[in-house]
């Protein structure tokens, strides 16, 4: 990007809400985040558009339980307390998992808390299960005697997306195309250099190489076009969230996909 005359500045945020607030205010031009914030943002009419999509992370996301506990299958969640974070991919996955088991949210006790609080609650046993994603899943598996009751396979995709505002996208199509091109190259590097990636992420995330290796080994990396199939995935999230009262407005996801042609 520098060779093309652009300066790139990376800014880190605590969660998707803080990230989209910064995007809306104009303090950042692009946001890379998970699959549910774009849905809730569109329902709120915030005017963001999808620029690119990453690969799925189905193996690293799921519902954690204790290895030596009495929860062995989804049906065993009935009457149990489950930690999750509202408005995240974990909430969508949890809704899909309960449906698959023939359960509803009335059959379990859901506790909305952030990931740090969920980790503590799970470790102490004040919750029976925890719906979350990597690196939290890998950390709990390595350090907290946790096992994945189910991962996201057949339930959700948990992709990353690159978002910007409608106005920025309209006036900066060349920038978006270049950014996608170089991010895609970065993701190819990640796939071809897993050892170097693990070393880099362990340092950045301040996690052990054991945890990071588990996380990296169960996913692939990509960044590219938002395909029709990916739009359908996002539409499913939007429909499930509307049906469950997470969002109060029906949306058409394809209306929020940037036209970079």
C-alpha atoms as a PDB file:
ATOM      1  CA  UNK A   1       0.000   0.000   0.000  1.00  0.00           C
ATOM      2  CA  UNK A   2       2.905   2.321   0.767  1.00  0.00           C
ATOM      3  CA  UNK A   3       4.265   1.794  -2.748  1.00  0.00           C
ATOM      4  CA  UNK A   4       0.871   2.897  -4.078  1.00  0.00           C
ATOM      5  CA  UNK A   5       1.037   6.111  -2.051  1.00  0.00           C
ATOM      6  CA  UNK A   6      -1.042   5.069   0.962  1.00  0.00           C
ATOM      7  CA  UNK A   7      -0.191   5.005   4.657  1.00  0.00           C
ATOM      8  CA  UNK A   8      -1.765   2.170   6.613  1.00  0.00           C
ATOM      9  CA  UNK A   9      -2.410   2.551  10.351  1.00  0.00           C
ATOM     10  CA  UNK A  10      -3.651  -0.385  12.417  1.00  0.00           C
ATOM     11  CA  UNK A  11      -5.821   0.240  15.477  1.00  0.00           C
ATOM     12  CA  UNK A  12      -6.966  -2.448  17.906  1.00  0.00           C
ATOM     13  CA  UNK A  13     -10.342  -2.413  19.676  1.00  0.00           C
ATOM     14  CA  UNK A  14     -11.803  -4.413  22.545  1.00  0.00           C
ATOM     15  CA  UNK A  15     -14.860  -5.674  20.688  1.00  0.00           C
ATOM     16  CA  UNK A  16     -17.062  -5.279  17.624  1.00  0.00           C
ATOM     17  CA  UNK A  17     -19.181  -2.548  19.186  1.00  0.00           C
ATOM     18  CA  UNK A  18     -16.164  -0.324  19.832  1.00  0.00           C
ATOM     19  CA  UNK A  19     -14.879  -1.095  16.353  1.00  0.00           C
ATOM     20  CA  UNK A  20     -18.072  -0.102  14.549  1.00  0.00           C
ATOM     21  CA  UNK A  21     -18.416   3.013  16.709  1.00  0.00           C
ATOM     22  CA  UNK A  22     -14.983   4.095  15.486  1.00  0.00           C
ATOM     23  CA  UNK A  23     -15.923   3.267  11.897  1.00  0.00           C
ATOM     24  CA  UNK A  24     -19.106   5.280  12.114  1.00  0.00           C
ATOM     25  CA  UNK A  25     -17.277   8.285  13.572  1.00  0.00           C
ATOM     26  CA  UNK A  26     -14.700   8.247  10.785  1.00  0.00           C
ATOM     27  CA  UNK A  27     -11.708   7.620  13.037  1.00  0.00           C
ATOM     28  CA  UNK A  28     -11.030   4.456  11.021  1.00  0.00           C
ATOM     29  CA  UNK A  29     -11.801   3.724   7.367  1.00  0.00           C
ATOM     30  CA  UNK A  30     -12.120  -0.065   7.475  1.00  0.00           C
ATOM     31  CA  UNK A  31     -13.046  -2.550  10.188  1.00  0.00           C
ATOM     32  CA  UNK A  32     -12.229  -6.236  10.295  1.00  0.00           C
ATOM     33  CA  UNK A  33     -14.672  -8.076  12.529  1.00  0.00           C
ATOM     34  CA  UNK A  34     -16.862 -11.141  12.880  1.00  0.00           C
ATOM     35  CA  UNK A  35     -20.100 -12.157  11.186  1.00  0.00           C
ATOM     36  CA  UNK A  36     -22.786 -10.952  13.587  1.00  0.00           C
ATOM     37  CA  UNK A  37     -21.905  -7.246  14.118  1.00  0.00           C
ATOM     38  CA  UNK A  38     -22.538  -6.446  10.430  1.00  0.00           C
ATOM     39  CA  UNK A  39     -26.022  -7.952  10.775  1.00  0.00           C
ATOM     40  CA  UNK A  40     -26.958  -5.991  13.899  1.00  0.00           C
ATOM     41  CA  UNK A  41     -25.392  -2.835  12.433  1.00  0.00           C
ATOM     42  CA  UNK A  42     -27.451  -3.153   9.250  1.00  0.00           C
ATOM     43  CA  UNK A  43     -30.603  -3.630  11.314  1.00  0.00           C
ATOM     44  CA  UNK A  44     -29.774  -0.361  13.074  1.00  0.00           C
ATOM     45  CA  UNK A  45     -29.319   1.416   9.743  1.00  0.00           C
ATOM     46  CA  UNK A  46     -25.695   2.377  10.358  1.00  0.00           C
ATOM     47  CA  UNK A  47     -24.814   2.429   6.662  1.00  0.00           C
ATOM     48  CA  UNK A  48     -21.911  -0.035   6.580  1.00  0.00           C
ATOM     49  CA  UNK A  49     -21.099  -2.252   3.613  1.00  0.00           C
ATOM     50  CA  UNK A  50     -19.280  -5.564   3.246  1.00  0.00           C
ATOM     51  CA  UNK A  51     -16.040  -5.163   1.293  1.00  0.00           C
ATOM     52  CA  UNK A  52     -14.517  -8.636   1.686  1.00  0.00           C
ATOM     53  CA  UNK A  53     -14.957 -11.937   3.517  1.00  0.00           C
ATOM     54  CA  UNK A  54     -12.555 -14.319   5.226  1.00  0.00           C
ATOM     55  CA  UNK A  55     -12.617 -18.096   5.550  1.00  0.00           C
ATOM     56  CA  UNK A  56     -14.765 -19.912   8.082  1.00  0.00           C
ATOM     57  CA  UNK A  57     -13.531 -20.833  11.559  1.00  0.00           C
ATOM     58  CA  UNK A  58     -15.881 -23.728  12.304  1.00  0.00           C
ATOM     59  CA  UNK A  59     -13.340 -25.926  14.111  1.00  0.00           C
ATOM     60  CA  UNK A  60     -12.256 -23.257  16.572  1.00  0.00           C
ATOM     61  CA  UNK A  61     -15.694 -22.119  17.709  1.00  0.00           C
ATOM     62  CA  UNK A  62     -18.199 -24.083  19.732  1.00  0.00           C
ATOM     63  CA  UNK A  63     -19.698 -24.927  23.104  1.00  0.00           C
ATOM     64  CA  UNK A  64     -17.210 -25.786  25.831  1.00  0.00           C
ATOM     65  CA  UNK A  65     -17.954 -28.151  28.719  1.00  0.00           C
ATOM     66  CA  UNK A  66     -15.800 -29.874  31.333  1.00  0.00           C
ATOM     67  CA  UNK A  67     -14.198 -33.127  30.174  1.00  0.00           C
ATOM     68  CA  UNK A  68     -15.244 -34.937  33.343  1.00  0.00           C
ATOM     69  CA  UNK A  69     -18.709 -33.354  33.521  1.00  0.00           C
ATOM     70  CA  UNK A  70     -22.139 -34.846  32.860  1.00  0.00           C
ATOM     71  CA  UNK A  71     -22.793 -32.988  29.599  1.00  0.00           C
ATOM     72  CA  UNK A  72     -22.007 -35.435  26.815  1.00  0.00           C
ATOM     73  CA  UNK A  73     -24.417 -34.355  24.058  1.00  0.00           C
ATOM     74  CA  UNK A  74     -26.477 -31.309  23.142  1.00  0.00           C
ATOM     75  CA  UNK A  75     -29.627 -32.664  24.790  1.00  0.00           C
ATOM     76  CA  UNK A  76     -27.755 -32.715  28.129  1.00  0.00           C
ATOM     77  CA  UNK A  77     -27.726 -28.903  28.081  1.00  0.00           C
ATOM     78  CA  UNK A  78     -31.349 -28.884  29.240  1.00  0.00           C
ATOM     79  CA  UNK A  79     -31.564 -27.129  32.592  1.00  0.00           C
ATOM     80  CA  UNK A  80     -27.904 -26.068  32.437  1.00  0.00           C
ATOM     81  CA  UNK A  81     -26.366 -22.597  32.717  1.00  0.00           C
ATOM     82  CA  UNK A  82     -24.574 -21.411  29.569  1.00  0.00           C
ATOM     83  CA  UNK A  83     -22.316 -18.362  29.251  1.00  0.00           C
ATOM     84  CA  UNK A  84     -22.317 -16.436  25.969  1.00  0.00           C
ATOM     85  CA  UNK A  85     -21.861 -12.886  24.704  1.00  0.00           C
ATOM     86  CA  UNK A  86     -24.932 -11.223  23.250  1.00  0.00           C
ATOM     87  CA  UNK A  87     -24.794 -10.126  19.629  1.00  0.00           C
ATOM     88  CA  UNK A  88     -21.781 -12.285  18.780  1.00  0.00           C
ATOM     89  CA  UNK A  89     -21.208 -15.331  16.604  1.00  0.00           C
ATOM     90  CA  UNK A  90     -21.434 -17.386  19.805  1.00  0.00           C
ATOM     91  CA  UNK A  91     -25.054 -16.338  20.316  1.00  0.00           C
ATOM     92  CA  UNK A  92     -26.000 -17.357  16.783  1.00  0.00           C
ATOM     93  CA  UNK A  93     -24.201 -20.684  17.095  1.00  0.00           C
ATOM     94  CA  UNK A  94     -25.854 -21.337  20.453  1.00  0.00           C
ATOM     95  CA  UNK A  95     -29.326 -20.661  19.055  1.00  0.00           C
ATOM     96  CA  UNK A  96     -28.626 -23.062  16.188  1.00  0.00           C
ATOM     97  CA  UNK A  97     -27.256 -25.721  18.527  1.00  0.00           C
ATOM     98  CA  UNK A  98     -30.281 -25.568  20.821  1.00  0.00           C
ATOM     99  CA  UNK A  99     -32.572 -25.856  17.829  1.00  0.00           C
ATOM    100  CA  UNK A 100     -30.652 -28.894  16.592  1.00  0.00           C
ATOM    101  CA  UNK A 101     -31.109 -30.518  19.995  1.00  0.00           C
ATOM    102  CA  UNK A 102     -34.830 -29.788  20.029  1.00  0.00           C
ATOM    103  CA  UNK A 103     -34.378 -27.266  22.824  1.00  0.00           C
ATOM    104  CA  UNK A 104     -35.267 -23.609  23.154  1.00  0.00           C
ATOM    105  CA  UNK A 105     -33.764 -20.786  25.170  1.00  0.00           C
ATOM    106  CA  UNK A 106     -36.441 -21.498  27.789  1.00  0.00           C
ATOM    107  CA  UNK A 107     -34.906 -24.929  28.382  1.00  0.00           C
ATOM    108  CA  UNK A 108     -31.567 -23.499  29.526  1.00  0.00           C
ATOM    109  CA  UNK A 109     -30.311 -20.590  31.593  1.00  0.00           C
ATOM    110  CA  UNK A 110     -28.375 -18.176  29.388  1.00  0.00           C
ATOM    111  CA  UNK A 111     -25.940 -15.765  31.046  1.00  0.00           C
ATOM    112  CA  UNK A 112     -24.738 -12.850  28.931  1.00  0.00           C
ATOM    113  CA  UNK A 113     -21.181 -11.843  29.888  1.00  0.00           C
ATOM    114  CA  UNK A 114     -18.001 -10.810  28.126  1.00  0.00           C
ATOM    115  CA  UNK A 115     -15.320 -13.337  27.300  1.00  0.00           C
ATOM    116  CA  UNK A 116     -13.066 -12.571  30.280  1.00  0.00           C
ATOM    117  CA  UNK A 117     -15.933 -12.953  32.732  1.00  0.00           C
ATOM    118  CA  UNK A 118     -17.102 -16.109  30.964  1.00  0.00           C
ATOM    119  CA  UNK A 119     -13.637 -17.645  31.272  1.00  0.00           C
ATOM    120  CA  UNK A 120     -13.592 -17.034  35.020  1.00  0.00           C
ATOM    121  CA  UNK A 121     -17.137 -18.342  35.465  1.00  0.00           C
ATOM    122  CA  UNK A 122     -16.363 -21.483  33.465  1.00  0.00           C
ATOM    123  CA  UNK A 123     -13.149 -22.121  35.401  1.00  0.00           C
ATOM    124  CA  UNK A 124     -14.980 -21.731  38.738  1.00  0.00           C
ATOM    125  CA  UNK A 125     -17.893 -23.899  37.627  1.00  0.00           C
ATOM    126  CA  UNK A 126     -20.507 -21.190  38.086  1.00  0.00           C
ATOM    127  CA  UNK A 127     -21.613 -21.911  34.524  1.00  0.00           C
ATOM    128  CA  UNK A 128     -21.951 -25.402  33.068  1.00  0.00           C
ATOM    129  CA  UNK A 129     -21.060 -24.523  29.481  1.00  0.00           C
ATOM    130  CA  UNK A 130     -19.565 -21.680  27.494  1.00  0.00           C
ATOM    131  CA  UNK A 131     -20.287 -20.728  23.874  1.00  0.00           C
ATOM    132  CA  UNK A 132     -17.186 -19.063  22.485  1.00  0.00           C
ATOM    133  CA  UNK A 133     -14.441 -19.000  19.842  1.00  0.00           C
ATOM    134  CA  UNK A 134     -10.663 -19.162  19.455  1.00  0.00           C
ATOM    135  CA  UNK A 135      -8.379 -18.284  21.148  1.00  0.00           C
ATOM    136  CA  UNK A 136     -10.734 -18.693  24.115  1.00  0.00           C
ATOM    137  CA  UNK A 137     -11.666 -22.245  23.139  1.00  0.00           C
ATOM    138  CA  UNK A 138      -8.045 -23.311  22.689  1.00  0.00           C
ATOM    139  CA  UNK A 139      -7.041 -21.629  25.955  1.00  0.00           C
ATOM    140  CA  UNK A 140      -9.798 -23.385  27.900  1.00  0.00           C
ATOM    141  CA  UNK A 141      -8.979 -26.732  26.290  1.00  0.00           C
ATOM    142  CA  UNK A 142      -5.316 -26.407  27.259  1.00  0.00           C
ATOM    143  CA  UNK A 143      -5.687 -24.777  30.678  1.00  0.00           C
ATOM    144  CA  UNK A 144      -9.176 -25.471  32.053  1.00  0.00           C
ATOM    145  CA  UNK A 145      -9.921 -29.170  31.477  1.00  0.00           C
ATOM    146  CA  UNK A 146     -12.400 -28.167  28.764  1.00  0.00           C
ATOM    147  CA  UNK A 147     -13.605 -30.062  25.746  1.00  0.00           C
ATOM    148  CA  UNK A 148     -15.704 -28.981  22.818  1.00  0.00           C
ATOM    149  CA  UNK A 149     -19.207 -30.445  23.122  1.00  0.00           C
ATOM    150  CA  UNK A 150     -19.810 -29.354  19.529  1.00  0.00           C
ATOM    151  CA  UNK A 151     -17.951 -27.060  17.194  1.00  0.00           C
ATOM    152  CA  UNK A 152     -19.554 -24.824  14.565  1.00  0.00           C
ATOM    153  CA  UNK A 153     -19.704 -27.525  11.895  1.00  0.00           C
ATOM    154  CA  UNK A 154     -23.205 -27.525  10.450  1.00  0.00           C
ATOM    155  CA  UNK A 155     -24.255 -24.695  12.760  1.00  0.00           C
ATOM    156  CA  UNK A 156     -22.372 -21.546  11.772  1.00  0.00           C
ATOM    157  CA  UNK A 157     -19.342 -20.343   9.807  1.00  0.00           C
ATOM    158  CA  UNK A 158     -17.940 -17.611  12.068  1.00  0.00           C
ATOM    159  CA  UNK A 159     -16.195 -15.694   9.274  1.00  0.00           C
ATOM    160  CA  UNK A 160     -14.274 -12.455   9.418  1.00  0.00           C
ATOM    161  CA  UNK A 161     -15.462  -9.558   7.273  1.00  0.00           C
ATOM    162  CA  UNK A 162     -13.967  -6.301   6.130  1.00  0.00           C
ATOM    163  CA  UNK A 163     -16.437  -3.423   6.436  1.00  0.00           C
ATOM    164  CA  UNK A 164     -16.428   0.243   5.546  1.00  0.00           C
ATOM    165  CA  UNK A 165     -19.057   2.963   5.305  1.00  0.00           C
ATOM    166  CA  UNK A 166     -21.197   3.431   2.210  1.00  0.00           C
ATOM    167  CA  UNK A 167     -19.749   6.883   1.583  1.00  0.00           C
ATOM    168  CA  UNK A 168     -16.126   5.789   1.958  1.00  0.00           C
ATOM    169  CA  UNK A 169     -16.611   2.779  -0.297  1.00  0.00           C
ATOM    170  CA  UNK A 170     -18.279   4.886  -2.968  1.00  0.00           C
ATOM    171  CA  UNK A 171     -15.352   7.308  -3.127  1.00  0.00           C
ATOM    172  CA  UNK A 172     -12.480   4.858  -2.574  1.00  0.00           C
ATOM    173  CA  UNK A 173     -13.098   1.789  -4.710  1.00  0.00           C
ATOM    174  CA  UNK A 174      -9.451   1.606  -5.821  1.00  0.00           C
ATOM    175  CA  UNK A 175      -8.287   1.616  -2.203  1.00  0.00           C
ATOM    176  CA  UNK A 176     -10.686  -1.200  -1.342  1.00  0.00           C
ATOM    177  CA  UNK A 177      -9.506  -3.307  -4.274  1.00  0.00           C
ATOM    178  CA  UNK A 178      -5.863  -2.856  -3.304  1.00  0.00           C
ATOM    179  CA  UNK A 179      -6.579  -3.632   0.336  1.00  0.00           C
ATOM    180  CA  UNK A 180      -8.370  -6.866  -0.583  1.00  0.00           C
ATOM    181  CA  UNK A 181      -5.499  -7.843  -2.901  1.00  0.00           C
ATOM    182  CA  UNK A 182      -2.813  -7.354  -0.272  1.00  0.00           C
ATOM    183  CA  UNK A 183      -4.837  -8.840   2.591  1.00  0.00           C
ATOM    184  CA  UNK A 184      -5.423 -11.911   0.417  1.00  0.00           C
ATOM    185  CA  UNK A 185      -1.654 -12.158  -0.091  1.00  0.00           C
ATOM    186  CA  UNK A 186      -1.152 -11.883   3.682  1.00  0.00           C
ATOM    187  CA  UNK A 187      -3.603 -14.715   4.253  1.00  0.00           C
ATOM    188  CA  UNK A 188      -1.802 -16.887   1.689  1.00  0.00           C
ATOM    189  CA  UNK A 189       1.426 -16.200   3.579  1.00  0.00           C
ATOM    190  CA  UNK A 190      -0.303 -17.262   6.804  1.00  0.00           C
ATOM    191  CA  UNK A 191      -1.358 -20.593   5.289  1.00  0.00           C
ATOM    192  CA  UNK A 192       2.119 -21.275   3.891  1.00  0.00           C
ATOM    193  CA  UNK A 193       4.074 -20.209   6.975  1.00  0.00           C
ATOM    194  CA  UNK A 194       2.223 -21.682   9.932  1.00  0.00           C
ATOM    195  CA  UNK A 195       5.339 -21.937  12.120  1.00  0.00           C
ATOM    196  CA  UNK A 196       6.210 -18.263  11.659  1.00  0.00           C
ATOM    197  CA  UNK A 197       2.560 -17.358  12.126  1.00  0.00           C
ATOM    198  CA  UNK A 198       2.383 -19.239  15.423  1.00  0.00           C
ATOM    199  CA  UNK A 199       5.489 -17.449  16.705  1.00  0.00           C
ATOM    200  CA  UNK A 200       4.062 -14.070  15.680  1.00  0.00           C
ATOM    201  CA  UNK A 201       0.601 -14.679  17.157  1.00  0.00           C
ATOM    202  CA  UNK A 202       1.965 -16.081  20.409  1.00  0.00           C
ATOM    203  CA  UNK A 203       3.892 -12.851  20.910  1.00  0.00           C
ATOM    204  CA  UNK A 204       1.031 -10.584  19.791  1.00  0.00           C
ATOM    205  CA  UNK A 205      -1.706 -12.360  21.767  1.00  0.00           C
ATOM    206  CA  UNK A 206       0.600 -13.086  24.735  1.00  0.00           C
ATOM    207  CA  UNK A 207      -0.419 -16.738  24.700  1.00  0.00           C
ATOM    208  CA  UNK A 208       1.619 -19.929  24.855  1.00  0.00           C
ATOM    209  CA  UNK A 209       2.683 -21.581  21.611  1.00  0.00           C
ATOM    210  CA  UNK A 210       0.699 -24.659  22.670  1.00  0.00           C
ATOM    211  CA  UNK A 211      -2.537 -22.669  22.679  1.00  0.00           C
ATOM    212  CA  UNK A 212      -1.744 -20.781  19.483  1.00  0.00           C
ATOM    213  CA  UNK A 213      -0.701 -23.967  17.664  1.00  0.00           C
ATOM    214  CA  UNK A 214      -4.048 -25.581  18.498  1.00  0.00           C
ATOM    215  CA  UNK A 215      -5.824 -22.482  17.190  1.00  0.00           C
ATOM    216  CA  UNK A 216      -3.801 -22.136  13.991  1.00  0.00           C
ATOM    217  CA  UNK A 217      -3.787 -25.833  13.088  1.00  0.00           C
ATOM    218  CA  UNK A 218      -7.572 -26.024  12.901  1.00  0.00           C
ATOM    219  CA  UNK A 219      -8.207 -23.184  10.463  1.00  0.00           C
ATOM    220  CA  UNK A 220      -7.214 -21.768   7.100  1.00  0.00           C
ATOM    221  CA  UNK A 221      -6.876 -18.105   6.229  1.00  0.00           C
ATOM    222  CA  UNK A 222      -8.293 -16.150   3.297  1.00  0.00           C
ATOM    223  CA  UNK A 223      -9.712 -12.764   2.343  1.00  0.00           C
ATOM    224  CA  UNK A 224     -11.702 -12.265  -0.832  1.00  0.00           C
ATOM    225  CA  UNK A 225     -15.004 -11.609  -2.533  1.00  0.00           C
ATOM    226  CA  UNK A 226     -18.315 -11.709  -0.684  1.00  0.00           C
ATOM    227  CA  UNK A 227     -19.978 -14.466  -2.719  1.00  0.00           C
ATOM    228  CA  UNK A 228     -23.672 -15.218  -3.060  1.00  0.00           C
ATOM    229  CA  UNK A 229     -23.196 -18.238  -0.776  1.00  0.00           C
ATOM    230  CA  UNK A 230     -21.651 -16.049   1.919  1.00  0.00           C
ATOM    231  CA  UNK A 231     -24.506 -13.559   1.571  1.00  0.00           C
ATOM    232  CA  UNK A 232     -26.904 -16.461   2.191  1.00  0.00           C
ATOM    233  CA  UNK A 233     -24.963 -17.401   5.334  1.00  0.00           C
ATOM    234  CA  UNK A 234     -25.294 -13.852   6.616  1.00  0.00           C
ATOM    235  CA  UNK A 235     -28.971 -13.789   5.700  1.00  0.00           C
ATOM    236  CA  UNK A 236     -29.514 -16.885   7.842  1.00  0.00           C
ATOM    237  CA  UNK A 237     -27.948 -15.080  10.805  1.00  0.00           C
ATOM    238  CA  UNK A 238     -30.181 -12.064  10.158  1.00  0.00           C
ATOM    239  CA  UNK A 239     -33.322 -14.214   9.969  1.00  0.00           C
ATOM    240  CA  UNK A 240     -32.476 -16.212  13.118  1.00  0.00           C
ATOM    241  CA  UNK A 241     -31.656 -13.032  15.041  1.00  0.00           C
ATOM    242  CA  UNK A 242     -34.936 -11.439  13.940  1.00  0.00           C
ATOM    243  CA  UNK A 243     -36.960 -14.532  14.859  1.00  0.00           C
ATOM    244  CA  UNK A 244     -35.328 -14.581  18.312  1.00  0.00           C
ATOM    245  CA  UNK A 245     -35.697 -10.851  18.970  1.00  0.00           C
ATOM    246  CA  UNK A 246     -31.984 -10.063  18.817  1.00  0.00           C
ATOM    247  CA  UNK A 247     -32.716  -7.515  16.077  1.00  0.00           C
ATOM    248  CA  UNK A 248     -36.093  -5.841  15.634  1.00  0.00           C
ATOM    249  CA  UNK A 249     -35.985  -5.249  11.897  1.00  0.00           C
ATOM    250  CA  UNK A 250     -35.955  -7.632   8.940  1.00  0.00           C
ATOM    251  CA  UNK A 251     -33.008  -6.936   6.653  1.00  0.00           C
ATOM    252  CA  UNK A 252     -31.808  -8.002   3.209  1.00  0.00           C
ATOM    253  CA  UNK A 253     -28.077  -8.627   3.531  1.00  0.00           C
ATOM    254  CA  UNK A 254     -27.350  -8.271  -0.173  1.00  0.00           C
ATOM    255  CA  UNK A 255     -28.297  -4.598   0.084  1.00  0.00           C
ATOM    256  CA  UNK A 256     -25.191  -4.054   2.207  1.00  0.00           C
ATOM    257  CA  UNK A 257     -22.612  -5.672  -0.111  1.00  0.00           C
ATOM    258  CA  UNK A 258     -20.210  -3.225  -1.781  1.00  0.00           C
ATOM    259  CA  UNK A 259     -20.117  -3.151  -5.575  1.00  0.00           C
ATOM    260  CA  UNK A 260     -16.420  -3.142  -6.432  1.00  0.00           C
ATOM    261  CA  UNK A 261     -16.810  -3.877 -10.136  1.00  0.00           C
END
